[in-house]
Amino acid sequence: MDKDRVEGKAKDIARRIQRQAGEWTGDEQTQIKETGKQAEGKVQNIAGKVKDALRRPRRTDEEGELEQSEIEEERESEAPRRRA
């Protein structure tokens, strides 16, 4: 796992907590500032995921085609995620 993924996720979580504290106290400046920093953490996490994906070797069959499991993994990672 790339260190950017770990650092990015840690920043995301820390900023989310600080943003929430700003909401509870009614401090709009803190909310705005921490929302931006939270986004930085998300971008860093995504950059780490891309680095990991580039490092991972692709599996192919004898004809050079991607294996079905590899295609399914790509579809799952590209599918938009919904939050409840």
N, C-alpha and C. Protein backbone atom coordinates (compact mmCIF):
# COMPACT_ATOMS: atom_id res chain seq x y z
N MET A 1 0.85 -1.16 0.00
CA MET A 1 0.00 0.00 0.00
C MET A 1 0.90 1.24 0.00
N ASP A 2 0.58 2.17 -0.86
CA ASP A 2 1.38 3.38 -1.00
C ASP A 2 1.18 4.29 0.22
N LYS A 3 2.27 4.97 0.62
CA LYS A 3 2.19 5.84 1.80
C LYS A 3 1.22 7.00 1.58
N ASP A 4 1.02 7.43 0.33
CA ASP A 4 0.06 8.49 0.07
C ASP A 4 -1.35 8.07 0.42
N ARG A 5 -1.66 6.80 0.23
CA ARG A 5 -3.00 6.31 0.60
C ARG A 5 -3.21 6.43 2.10
N VAL A 6 -2.20 6.03 2.86
CA VAL A 6 -2.31 6.05 4.32
C VAL A 6 -2.39 7.49 4.82
N GLU A 7 -1.46 8.34 4.35
CA GLU A 7 -1.44 9.73 4.79
C GLU A 7 -2.71 10.47 4.35
N GLY A 8 -3.14 10.21 3.13
CA GLY A 8 -4.33 10.87 2.62
C GLY A 8 -5.57 10.50 3.42
N LYS A 9 -5.70 9.23 3.73
CA LYS A 9 -6.87 8.78 4.51
C LYS A 9 -6.83 9.38 5.92
N ALA A 10 -5.63 9.44 6.51
CA ALA A 10 -5.49 10.02 7.85
C ALA A 10 -5.88 11.50 7.83
N LYS A 11 -5.44 12.23 6.81
CA LYS A 11 -5.81 13.65 6.70
C LYS A 11 -7.31 13.80 6.51
N ASP A 12 -7.88 12.96 5.68
CA ASP A 12 -9.31 13.02 5.41
C ASP A 12 -10.10 12.84 6.71
N ILE A 13 -9.74 11.84 7.48
CA ILE A 13 -10.47 11.56 8.72
C ILE A 13 -10.27 12.68 9.73
N ALA A 14 -9.03 13.15 9.89
CA ALA A 14 -8.74 14.21 10.86
C ALA A 14 -9.51 15.48 10.50
N ARG A 15 -9.51 15.83 9.23
CA ARG A 15 -10.20 17.05 8.79
C ARG A 15 -11.71 16.91 8.89
N ARG A 16 -12.20 15.71 8.67
CA ARG A 16 -13.64 15.47 8.81
C ARG A 16 -14.07 15.71 10.25
N ILE A 17 -13.25 15.26 11.20
CA ILE A 17 -13.56 15.46 12.62
C ILE A 17 -13.53 16.95 12.95
N GLN A 18 -12.51 17.65 12.46
CA GLN A 18 -12.40 19.09 12.74
C GLN A 18 -13.53 19.88 12.09
N ARG A 19 -13.92 19.49 10.87
CA ARG A 19 -15.03 20.15 10.20
C ARG A 19 -16.32 19.95 10.99
N GLN A 20 -16.50 18.72 11.48
CA GLN A 20 -17.70 18.43 12.28
C GLN A 20 -17.72 19.27 13.55
N ALA A 21 -16.56 19.43 14.17
CA ALA A 21 -16.48 20.26 15.38
C ALA A 21 -16.87 21.70 15.04
N GLY A 22 -16.46 22.18 13.87
CA GLY A 22 -16.85 23.52 13.43
C GLY A 22 -18.35 23.63 13.22
N GLU A 23 -18.97 22.57 12.73
CA GLU A 23 -20.42 22.57 12.56
C GLU A 23 -21.12 22.62 13.91
N TRP A 24 -20.62 21.85 14.87
CA TRP A 24 -21.25 21.80 16.19
C TRP A 24 -21.16 23.15 16.91
N THR A 25 -20.03 23.85 16.70
CA THR A 25 -19.83 25.13 17.38
C THR A 25 -20.35 26.30 16.56
N GLY A 26 -20.77 26.05 15.32
CA GLY A 26 -21.27 27.11 14.47
C GLY A 26 -20.18 27.97 13.85
N ASP A 27 -18.95 27.48 13.83
CA ASP A 27 -17.80 28.22 13.28
C ASP A 27 -17.68 27.94 11.78
N GLU A 28 -18.23 28.85 10.97
CA GLU A 28 -18.24 28.64 9.53
C GLU A 28 -16.84 28.68 8.93
N GLN A 29 -15.95 29.51 9.47
CA GLN A 29 -14.58 29.58 8.96
C GLN A 29 -13.87 28.23 9.09
N THR A 30 -14.03 27.60 10.22
CA THR A 30 -13.42 26.28 10.44
C THR A 30 -14.03 25.27 9.49
N GLN A 31 -15.32 25.31 9.30
CA GLN A 31 -15.98 24.38 8.39
C GLN A 31 -15.40 24.51 6.98
N ILE A 32 -15.28 25.74 6.51
CA ILE A 32 -14.78 25.99 5.15
C ILE A 32 -13.34 25.54 5.02
N LYS A 33 -12.51 25.93 5.99
CA LYS A 33 -11.09 25.59 5.94
C LYS A 33 -10.88 24.08 5.98
N GLU A 34 -11.57 23.40 6.87
CA GLU A 34 -11.38 21.96 7.02
C GLU A 34 -11.98 21.18 5.87
N THR A 35 -13.02 21.70 5.23
CA THR A 35 -13.57 21.03 4.05
C THR A 35 -12.53 21.02 2.94
N GLY A 36 -11.84 22.13 2.75
CA GLY A 36 -10.77 22.20 1.74
C GLY A 36 -9.63 21.25 2.06
N LYS A 37 -9.22 21.21 3.31
CA LYS A 37 -8.13 20.31 3.70
C LYS A 37 -8.56 18.85 3.62
N GLN A 38 -9.83 18.59 3.89
CA GLN A 38 -10.35 17.23 3.76
C GLN A 38 -10.25 16.79 2.30
N ALA A 39 -10.56 17.69 1.38
CA ALA A 39 -10.46 17.38 -0.05
C ALA A 39 -9.02 17.08 -0.43
N GLU A 40 -8.06 17.80 0.15
CA GLU A 40 -6.65 17.52 -0.11
C GLU A 40 -6.31 16.08 0.28
N GLY A 41 -6.82 15.65 1.42
CA GLY A 41 -6.58 14.28 1.87
C GLY A 41 -7.18 13.26 0.92
N LYS A 42 -8.38 13.56 0.40
CA LYS A 42 -9.02 12.64 -0.54
C LYS A 42 -8.20 12.53 -1.83
N VAL A 43 -7.70 13.67 -2.31
CA VAL A 43 -6.89 13.66 -3.53
C VAL A 43 -5.60 12.87 -3.32
N GLN A 44 -4.97 13.06 -2.17
CA GLN A 44 -3.74 12.32 -1.87
C GLN A 44 -4.03 10.83 -1.81
N ASN A 45 -5.14 10.45 -1.23
CA ASN A 45 -5.53 9.04 -1.15
C ASN A 45 -5.72 8.47 -2.56
N ILE A 46 -6.38 9.21 -3.43
CA ILE A 46 -6.59 8.76 -4.81
C ILE A 46 -5.26 8.62 -5.53
N ALA A 47 -4.35 9.56 -5.32
CA ALA A 47 -3.03 9.48 -5.95
C ALA A 47 -2.32 8.20 -5.51
N GLY A 48 -2.44 7.85 -4.24
CA GLY A 48 -1.84 6.61 -3.76
C GLY A 48 -2.46 5.39 -4.39
N LYS A 49 -3.78 5.42 -4.60
CA LYS A 49 -4.45 4.29 -5.25
C LYS A 49 -3.97 4.13 -6.68
N VAL A 50 -3.77 5.25 -7.38
CA VAL A 50 -3.27 5.20 -8.76
C VAL A 50 -1.87 4.61 -8.78
N LYS A 51 -1.02 5.05 -7.86
CA LYS A 51 0.35 4.50 -7.79
C LYS A 51 0.31 2.99 -7.55
N ASP A 52 -0.56 2.56 -6.63
CA ASP A 52 -0.68 1.12 -6.37
C ASP A 52 -1.13 0.37 -7.62
N ALA A 53 -2.09 0.93 -8.33
CA ALA A 53 -2.60 0.28 -9.53
C ALA A 53 -1.52 0.17 -10.60
N LEU A 54 -0.68 1.19 -10.71
CA LEU A 54 0.38 1.15 -11.72
C LEU A 54 1.47 0.15 -11.36
N ARG A 55 1.66 -0.08 -10.09
CA ARG A 55 2.67 -1.05 -9.65
C ARG A 55 2.21 -2.49 -9.82
N ARG A 56 0.91 -2.70 -9.78
CA ARG A 56 0.35 -4.06 -9.82
C ARG A 56 0.47 -4.63 -11.23
N PRO A 57 1.06 -5.79 -11.37
CA PRO A 57 1.15 -6.39 -12.71
C PRO A 57 -0.22 -6.86 -13.18
N ARG A 58 -0.45 -6.74 -14.46
CA ARG A 58 -1.72 -7.18 -15.04
C ARG A 58 -1.59 -8.63 -15.46
N ARG A 59 -2.62 -9.41 -15.17
CA ARG A 59 -2.61 -10.83 -15.54
C ARG A 59 -3.26 -10.98 -16.91
N THR A 60 -2.63 -11.73 -17.79
CA THR A 60 -3.20 -11.98 -19.10
C THR A 60 -3.15 -13.47 -19.41
N ASP A 61 -3.99 -13.91 -20.33
CA ASP A 61 -3.95 -15.30 -20.76
C ASP A 61 -2.90 -15.44 -21.87
N GLU A 62 -2.86 -16.58 -22.50
CA GLU A 62 -1.84 -16.85 -23.51
C GLU A 62 -1.93 -15.91 -24.71
N GLU A 63 -3.11 -15.41 -25.02
CA GLU A 63 -3.29 -14.55 -26.18
C GLU A 63 -3.11 -13.07 -25.85
N GLY A 64 -2.76 -12.77 -24.63
CA GLY A 64 -2.54 -11.39 -24.26
C GLY A 64 -3.79 -10.65 -23.83
N GLU A 65 -4.89 -11.36 -23.65
CA GLU A 65 -6.14 -10.73 -23.23
C GLU A 65 -6.19 -10.71 -21.69
N LEU A 66 -6.85 -9.70 -21.16
CA LEU A 66 -7.03 -9.63 -19.72
C LEU A 66 -7.91 -10.78 -19.26
N GLU A 67 -7.58 -11.34 -18.12
CA GLU A 67 -8.42 -12.38 -17.56
C GLU A 67 -9.74 -11.79 -17.08
N GLN A 68 -10.77 -12.59 -17.05
CA GLN A 68 -12.10 -12.12 -16.66
C GLN A 68 -12.08 -11.51 -15.26
N SER A 69 -11.34 -12.10 -14.34
CA SER A 69 -11.31 -11.57 -12.98
C SER A 69 -10.71 -10.17 -12.95
N GLU A 70 -9.73 -9.92 -13.81
CA GLU A 70 -9.10 -8.60 -13.88
C GLU A 70 -10.10 -7.58 -14.42
N ILE A 71 -10.88 -7.96 -15.41
CA ILE A 71 -11.88 -7.06 -15.99
C ILE A 71 -12.94 -6.73 -14.94
N GLU A 72 -13.37 -7.73 -14.18
CA GLU A 72 -14.38 -7.50 -13.15
C GLU A 72 -13.85 -6.59 -12.05
N GLU A 73 -12.57 -6.74 -11.68
CA GLU A 73 -11.98 -5.88 -10.66
C GLU A 73 -11.97 -4.43 -11.13
N GLU A 74 -11.63 -4.22 -12.41
CA GLU A 74 -11.61 -2.86 -12.94
C GLU A 74 -13.00 -2.25 -12.94
N ARG A 75 -14.00 -3.02 -13.30
CA ARG A 75 -15.37 -2.51 -13.31
C ARG A 75 -15.81 -2.11 -11.90
N GLU A 76 -15.48 -2.95 -10.93
CA GLU A 76 -15.88 -2.66 -9.55
C GLU A 76 -15.20 -1.40 -9.04
N SER A 77 -13.93 -1.21 -9.38
CA SER A 77 -13.21 -0.03 -8.89
C SER A 77 -13.66 1.23 -9.58
N GLU A 78 -14.21 1.13 -10.80
CA GLU A 78 -14.66 2.30 -11.53
C GLU A 78 -16.11 2.65 -11.23
N ALA A 79 -16.86 1.72 -10.67
CA ALA A 79 -18.27 1.96 -10.40
C ALA A 79 -18.41 3.05 -9.33
N PRO A 80 -19.34 3.98 -9.54
CA PRO A 80 -19.54 5.03 -8.53
C PRO A 80 -20.08 4.41 -7.25
N ARG A 81 -19.59 4.92 -6.16
CA ARG A 81 -20.02 4.40 -4.86
C ARG A 81 -21.08 5.31 -4.29
N ARG A 82 -22.11 4.72 -3.74
CA ARG A 82 -23.20 5.49 -3.15
C ARG A 82 -23.09 5.45 -1.65
N ARG A 83 -23.38 6.56 -1.04
CA ARG A 83 -23.39 6.62 0.41
C ARG A 83 -24.81 6.65 0.91
N ALA A 84 -25.02 5.97 2.00
CA ALA A 84 -26.37 5.94 2.58
C ALA A 84 -26.62 7.18 3.40
